[in-house]
Amino acid sequence: MKIKKTNRPPRPASTPASAPASEPGALRRTVAEAQAAAPRRDRPASQSAGNKAAGNKGAASRGAGSRGLGSRASSGGKPGESRGAKTARPAGRPDARPAKDTGSRDGSRPAPDDGHQPAGTQRLFFALKVPANLVGPLREAQRKLRGNWRRVDADQLHVTLAYLPAVPVDRVDDLKRLGVTLMQDLAPMQVSLRGTGYYPNEGSPRVWFVKVEAEGLPELAQALRDGIHALGLETDDQPFKGHITLARKKGPAPRVPPLTFTHGWQAGGAVLYRSILRKTGPIHETASSFRFRAPLPTETDAPLPDPSTDTPPAAPAVTDPQ
């Protein structure tokens, strides 16, 4: 898969020049091109290496079992076992099972703070970064929390697009190229904050968040997931729901009554974050960033009203950048 340069050649004939890059069809075509350009890997490299090592160990175990059978008369043990030696493991069984990942999309499912991570892998996720001018209203909302809620720090606020629980270190560059391929032809997005919610909504919630909406945002999230799967990497199985995690609960704590925001911002790009778990909460480091380079549509590009109806076209959403 090649990274497109800033001075891009004209679009291929199969893509209409008038189609906005943020439309679902354009993103799907970009993912298809990425799939054709990159060789498919059915599983991460570390997983393949682990299976190969397990197979070699199984072969060694079978050899040890054969030698033990020949020494049964002198050792007095069972077939396949010599005196003082441990029973050989069944063929193909690794020494230890890999730790099951119970990570999250940083909001829809809380991540553990135990720090467990398969060797040679990293937690990564694509996201929109929340700008500094929205920190004030969100921090004001966080002050309403009582009890054992752990507030998310201002510099950690984001909108997760795709979460990858275990990425081999040597595959991070593939994700960077995917991000450039998918996002360089997108126009900036107008993101709006909505109401607050809890996960799970029933019973005792573990996460408190605020919903976000933006035209083209679900399509971008799905295109990223499709591209990640085409690379042979895994994402979480949670459906995309745009949100910003405000707090996570660590013990008994009351709920905050529903809040509604009228704020928003224009997202000019996205970020690939590296998530490092700590007892005090996850730390997010920037692995790469991507700009939405396509120009915003002009008024002449807006669709004409349908003369068969008297309903005027909807006015664009107005956001408060405070």
Protein backbone atom coordinates (compact mmCIF):
# COMPACT_ATOMS: atom_id res chain seq x y z
CA MET A 1 0.00 0.00 0.00
CA LYS A 2 1.46 3.35 -1.05
CA ILE A 3 1.04 6.70 0.65
CA LYS A 4 -0.48 9.26 -1.69
CA LYS A 5 1.41 12.53 -1.99
CA THR A 6 -0.11 15.93 -1.33
CA ASN A 7 -0.04 16.78 -5.06
CA ARG A 8 -2.39 13.98 -6.04
CA PRO A 9 -3.03 12.92 -9.63
CA PRO A 10 -6.58 13.30 -11.01
CA ARG A 11 -9.16 10.87 -9.70
CA PRO A 12 -9.55 7.65 -11.71
CA ALA A 13 -12.36 7.54 -14.22
CA SER A 14 -14.35 5.16 -12.01
CA THR A 15 -14.81 7.89 -9.35
CA PRO A 16 -17.02 10.81 -10.47
CA ALA A 17 -15.22 14.11 -9.98
CA SER A 18 -18.34 15.66 -8.50
CA ALA A 19 -18.75 13.06 -5.73
CA PRO A 20 -17.71 14.45 -2.32
CA ALA A 21 -14.81 12.52 -0.80
CA SER A 22 -16.70 12.18 2.46
CA GLU A 23 -19.55 10.16 0.89
CA PRO A 24 -19.72 6.47 1.98
CA GLY A 25 -19.17 5.28 -1.60
CA ALA A 26 -15.91 7.21 -1.95
CA LEU A 27 -14.59 5.81 1.33
CA ARG A 28 -15.58 2.30 0.27
CA ARG A 29 -13.70 2.70 -3.00
CA THR A 30 -10.62 3.93 -1.15
CA VAL A 31 -10.71 0.89 1.16
CA ALA A 32 -11.08 -1.42 -1.87
CA GLU A 33 -8.00 0.17 -3.45
CA ALA A 34 -6.09 -0.30 -0.20
CA GLN A 35 -7.12 -3.96 -0.09
CA ALA A 36 -5.92 -4.52 -3.66
CA ALA A 37 -2.61 -2.76 -3.03
CA ALA A 38 -1.72 -4.52 0.23
CA PRO A 39 -1.16 -8.30 0.58
CA ARG A 40 -3.70 -9.79 2.91
CA ARG A 41 -2.46 -11.22 6.18
CA ASP A 42 -4.93 -13.52 7.89
CA ARG A 43 -3.44 -12.94 11.33
CA PRO A 44 -0.88 -10.73 13.07
CA ALA A 45 2.74 -11.74 12.69
CA SER A 46 3.12 -12.40 16.41
CA GLN A 47 0.20 -14.82 16.32
CA SER A 48 1.70 -16.78 13.40
CA ALA A 49 5.05 -16.93 15.18
CA GLY A 50 3.35 -18.18 18.34
CA ASN A 51 1.54 -20.95 16.45
CA LYS A 52 4.77 -22.00 14.75
CA ALA A 53 6.57 -22.14 18.10
CA ALA A 54 3.71 -24.19 19.56
CA GLY A 55 3.99 -26.66 16.68
CA ASN A 56 7.74 -27.03 17.20
CA LYS A 57 7.19 -27.65 20.89
CA GLY A 58 4.57 -30.26 20.06
CA ALA A 59 7.03 -32.08 17.81
CA ALA A 60 9.62 -32.07 20.58
CA SER A 61 7.04 -33.44 23.01
CA ARG A 62 6.20 -36.33 20.68
CA GLY A 63 9.89 -37.17 20.43
CA ALA A 64 10.25 -37.15 24.20
CA GLY A 65 7.25 -39.46 24.51
CA SER A 66 8.79 -42.01 22.13
CA ARG A 67 12.03 -42.11 24.09
CA GLY A 68 10.11 -42.58 27.34
CA LEU A 69 8.26 -45.60 25.91
CA GLY A 70 11.55 -47.39 25.23
CA SER A 71 12.73 -46.91 28.83
CA ARG A 72 9.57 -48.18 30.50
CA ALA A 73 11.12 -51.47 31.71
CA SER A 74 13.99 -49.77 33.54
CA SER A 75 12.04 -46.86 34.96
CA GLY A 76 8.86 -48.60 35.99
CA GLY A 77 6.81 -45.65 34.80
CA LYS A 78 3.91 -45.35 32.41
CA PRO A 79 4.34 -45.42 28.64
CA GLY A 80 5.76 -42.11 27.37
CA GLU A 81 7.17 -41.24 30.83
CA SER A 82 10.62 -41.77 32.34
CA ARG A 83 11.49 -41.67 36.03
CA GLY A 84 11.97 -38.14 37.36
CA ALA A 85 10.72 -36.52 34.14
CA LYS A 86 7.59 -34.48 33.73
CA THR A 87 4.78 -35.71 31.52
CA ALA A 88 5.13 -34.31 28.00
CA ARG A 89 2.50 -31.82 26.91
CA PRO A 90 0.11 -32.84 24.14
CA ALA A 91 1.31 -31.99 20.65
CA GLY A 92 0.54 -28.48 19.46
CA ARG A 93 -0.37 -27.14 22.90
CA PRO A 94 1.55 -23.99 23.85
CA ASP A 95 3.04 -23.52 27.30
CA ALA A 96 0.63 -20.75 28.23
CA ARG A 97 -2.51 -19.28 26.79
CA PRO A 98 -2.28 -15.66 25.62
CA ALA A 99 -3.97 -13.22 27.91
CA LYS A 100 -7.52 -12.53 26.82
CA ASP A 101 -7.92 -8.89 25.92
CA THR A 102 -10.83 -7.17 27.56
CA GLY A 103 -9.94 -3.72 26.40
CA SER A 104 -12.36 -1.14 25.18
CA ARG A 105 -13.11 1.60 22.73
CA ASP A 106 -12.44 3.96 25.61
CA GLY A 107 -16.08 4.57 26.42
CA SER A 108 -18.42 1.85 25.22
CA ARG A 109 -16.60 -0.77 27.28
CA PRO A 110 -14.20 0.10 30.11
CA ALA A 111 -10.63 -1.16 29.82
CA PRO A 112 -8.92 -2.94 32.74
CA ASP A 113 -6.08 -1.26 34.59
CA ASP A 114 -4.10 -4.48 35.15
CA GLY A 115 -1.57 -3.63 32.41
CA HIS A 116 -1.80 -7.08 30.78
CA GLN A 117 -0.79 -6.99 27.11
CA PRO A 118 0.34 -9.79 24.76
CA ALA A 119 4.10 -9.62 24.29
CA GLY A 120 5.25 -7.65 21.28
CA THR A 121 1.90 -5.87 20.76
CA GLN A 122 0.40 -2.44 21.47
CA ARG A 123 -3.07 -1.04 22.09
CA LEU A 124 -3.91 1.50 19.39
CA PHE A 125 -6.97 3.44 18.27
CA PHE A 126 -7.96 5.99 15.65
CA ALA A 127 -9.79 9.00 17.08
CA LEU A 128 -10.79 12.64 16.77
CA LYS A 129 -9.08 14.86 19.33
CA VAL A 130 -11.29 17.21 21.32
CA PRO A 131 -10.03 20.81 20.89
CA ALA A 132 -8.94 22.98 23.80
CA ASN A 133 -11.87 25.39 23.42
CA LEU A 134 -14.30 22.63 24.46
CA VAL A 135 -12.41 21.63 27.58
CA GLY A 136 -14.12 24.31 29.72
CA PRO A 137 -17.73 23.14 29.18
CA LEU A 138 -16.79 19.49 29.58
CA ARG A 139 -14.82 20.14 32.76
CA GLU A 140 -17.77 22.08 34.13
CA ALA A 141 -19.94 19.02 33.55
CA GLN A 142 -17.38 16.76 35.25
CA ARG A 143 -17.57 18.89 38.40
CA LYS A 144 -21.11 17.60 38.95
CA LEU A 145 -19.77 14.07 39.61
CA ARG A 146 -19.82 12.73 43.14
CA GLY A 147 -18.50 9.55 44.73
CA ASN A 148 -16.09 7.14 43.06
CA TRP A 149 -16.10 8.59 39.56
CA ARG A 150 -12.66 9.00 37.95
CA ARG A 151 -12.71 11.99 35.60
CA VAL A 152 -10.93 11.77 32.26
CA ASP A 153 -8.17 14.38 32.03
CA ALA A 154 -8.66 17.22 29.57
CA ASP A 155 -5.73 16.17 27.35
CA GLN A 156 -7.18 12.64 27.08
CA LEU A 157 -10.63 13.57 25.74
CA HIS A 158 -11.33 12.12 22.28
CA VAL A 159 -13.87 10.42 19.98
CA THR A 160 -12.81 6.83 19.22
CA LEU A 161 -13.24 5.72 15.59
CA ALA A 162 -11.63 2.26 15.66
CA TYR A 163 -9.95 0.36 18.51
CA LEU A 164 -7.24 -2.29 18.03
CA PRO A 165 -6.53 -4.29 21.23
CA ALA A 166 -3.29 -6.01 20.16
CA VAL A 167 -1.20 -4.73 17.23
CA PRO A 168 2.27 -6.23 16.54
CA VAL A 169 4.89 -3.49 16.66
CA ASP A 170 5.95 -4.13 13.06
CA ARG A 171 2.40 -3.47 11.78
CA VAL A 172 2.03 0.08 13.11
CA ASP A 173 3.40 1.57 9.88
CA ASP A 174 0.65 -0.26 7.94
CA LEU A 175 -1.94 1.54 10.05
CA LYS A 176 -0.26 4.90 9.44
CA ARG A 177 -0.41 4.34 5.68
CA LEU A 178 -4.07 3.31 5.96
CA GLY A 179 -4.87 6.52 7.84
CA VAL A 180 -3.23 8.67 5.18
CA THR A 181 -4.99 6.81 2.36
CA LEU A 182 -8.46 7.17 3.87
CA MET A 183 -8.29 10.67 5.31
CA GLN A 184 -6.30 12.86 2.93
CA ASP A 185 -9.29 13.19 0.56
CA LEU A 186 -11.80 14.04 3.31
CA ALA A 187 -13.06 17.54 4.01
CA PRO A 188 -13.13 18.93 7.59
CA MET A 189 -16.12 17.67 9.60
CA GLN A 190 -18.48 19.74 11.71
CA VAL A 191 -18.82 17.80 14.99
CA SER A 192 -21.64 18.59 17.44
CA LEU A 193 -22.03 17.59 21.09
CA ARG A 194 -25.40 16.20 22.20
CA GLY A 195 -26.69 14.74 25.46
CA THR A 196 -24.95 12.68 28.13
CA GLY A 197 -25.43 8.95 28.65
CA TYR A 198 -24.21 5.94 30.63
CA TYR A 199 -22.78 2.53 29.79
CA PRO A 200 -24.38 0.27 30.58
CA ASN A 201 -27.56 2.28 30.78
CA GLU A 202 -29.25 -0.34 32.97
CA GLY A 203 -28.16 -1.20 36.49
CA SER A 204 -24.86 0.17 37.76
CA PRO A 205 -23.09 2.10 34.96
CA ARG A 206 -19.32 2.06 34.56
CA VAL A 207 -18.87 4.88 32.03
CA TRP A 208 -20.34 8.37 31.68
CA PHE A 209 -20.09 9.99 28.25
CA VAL A 210 -21.47 12.70 25.95
CA LYS A 211 -22.73 11.78 22.48
CA VAL A 212 -21.30 13.39 19.35
CA GLU A 213 -22.62 13.63 15.79
CA ALA A 214 -21.02 14.59 12.46
CA GLU A 215 -21.94 13.99 8.84
CA GLY A 216 -19.64 11.30 7.43
CA LEU A 217 -18.30 10.22 10.84
CA PRO A 218 -19.94 6.73 10.93
CA GLU A 219 -18.79 6.11 7.35
CA LEU A 220 -15.21 7.02 8.26
CA ALA A 221 -15.29 4.71 11.29
CA GLN A 222 -16.57 1.82 9.15
CA ALA A 223 -14.02 2.48 6.40
CA LEU A 224 -11.22 2.37 8.98
CA ARG A 225 -12.48 -0.96 10.33
CA ASP A 226 -12.75 -2.42 6.83
CA GLY A 227 -9.21 -1.29 6.05
CA ILE A 228 -7.89 -2.71 9.33
CA HIS A 229 -9.49 -6.08 8.64
CA ALA A 230 -8.03 -6.06 5.11
CA LEU A 231 -4.59 -5.80 6.74
CA GLY A 232 -5.30 -8.94 8.76
CA LEU A 233 -5.58 -7.04 12.06
CA GLU A 234 -8.41 -7.19 14.59
CA THR A 235 -10.68 -4.51 15.99
CA ASP A 236 -13.18 -4.71 18.82
CA ASP A 237 -16.64 -6.06 18.02
CA GLN A 238 -18.60 -3.08 19.33
CA PRO A 239 -20.80 -1.07 16.92
CA PHE A 240 -19.65 2.50 16.39
CA LYS A 241 -21.40 5.10 18.55
CA GLY A 242 -19.82 8.53 18.52
CA HIS A 243 -19.09 9.70 22.07
CA ILE A 244 -16.56 11.32 24.38
CA THR A 245 -15.89 9.49 27.64
CA LEU A 246 -16.07 11.94 30.54
CA ALA A 247 -15.57 9.59 33.53
CA ARG A 248 -15.26 5.97 34.61
CA LYS A 249 -16.67 4.60 37.86
CA LYS A 250 -14.39 2.83 40.34
CA GLY A 251 -16.92 2.17 43.09
CA PRO A 252 -20.35 3.22 44.40
CA ALA A 253 -21.33 6.57 42.93
CA PRO A 254 -24.58 8.38 42.09
CA ARG A 255 -25.66 9.29 38.58
CA VAL A 256 -25.63 12.83 37.26
CA PRO A 257 -28.95 14.00 35.77
CA PRO A 258 -28.94 14.21 31.94
CA LEU A 259 -27.07 17.17 30.46
CA THR A 260 -27.39 18.66 26.97
CA PHE A 261 -24.65 20.56 25.12
CA THR A 262 -24.96 23.01 22.25
CA HIS A 263 -21.23 23.20 21.54
CA GLY A 264 -19.25 21.82 18.62
CA TRP A 265 -16.07 22.12 16.59
CA GLN A 266 -14.70 21.66 13.11
CA ALA A 267 -12.47 18.58 13.03
CA GLY A 268 -9.61 19.10 10.60
CA GLY A 269 -8.04 15.66 11.03
CA ALA A 270 -7.70 12.51 13.12
CA VAL A 271 -5.05 10.84 15.27
CA LEU A 272 -3.68 7.33 15.74
CA TYR A 273 -3.16 6.96 19.49
CA ARG A 274 -1.14 4.44 21.47
CA SER A 275 -2.93 3.50 24.71
CA ILE A 276 -0.80 2.60 27.74
CA LEU A 277 -2.69 1.32 30.78
CA ARG A 278 -1.76 2.51 34.25
CA LYS A 279 -3.36 2.04 37.65
CA THR A 280 -4.34 5.69 37.57
CA GLY A 281 -5.97 5.29 34.15
CA PRO A 282 -4.91 4.94 30.51
CA ILE A 283 -2.34 7.26 28.97
CA HIS A 284 -2.72 8.11 25.27
CA GLU A 285 0.36 8.89 23.19
CA THR A 286 0.19 10.16 19.59
CA ALA A 287 1.58 7.57 17.16
CA SER A 288 0.61 9.54 14.02
CA SER A 289 -1.77 12.29 12.90
CA PHE A 290 -3.73 12.77 9.67
CA ARG A 291 -5.21 15.89 8.05
CA PHE A 292 -8.49 16.16 6.20
CA ARG A 293 -7.08 17.92 3.12
CA ALA A 294 -10.10 18.19 0.81
CA PRO A 295 -11.64 21.69 0.60
CA LEU A 296 -14.98 22.39 2.20
CA PRO A 297 -17.93 22.37 -0.24
CA THR A 298 -18.96 25.80 -1.48
CA GLU A 299 -22.48 27.18 -1.78
CA THR A 300 -22.48 26.41 -5.50
CA ASP A 301 -21.98 22.73 -4.65
CA ALA A 302 -25.12 22.61 -2.48
CA PRO A 303 -28.03 20.61 -3.96
CA LEU A 304 -30.90 22.59 -5.45
CA PRO A 305 -34.29 22.44 -3.64
CA ASP A 306 -36.90 20.06 -5.00
CA PRO A 307 -39.55 22.15 -6.81
CA SER A 308 -42.21 19.52 -6.13
CA THR A 309 -42.32 20.34 -2.42
CA ASP A 310 -42.81 23.53 -0.44
CA THR A 311 -40.54 22.39 2.39
CA PRO A 312 -37.41 24.58 2.46
CA PRO A 313 -34.02 22.88 2.79
CA ALA A 314 -32.76 22.40 6.35
CA ALA A 315 -30.52 25.14 7.67
CA PRO A 316 -26.94 24.13 8.60
CA ALA A 317 -26.34 23.32 12.26
CA VAL A 318 -25.04 26.23 14.33
CA THR A 319 -22.44 25.36 16.97
CA ASP A 320 -21.07 27.30 19.90
CA PRO A 321 -17.25 27.21 19.96
CA GLN A 322 -17.01 28.41 23.53
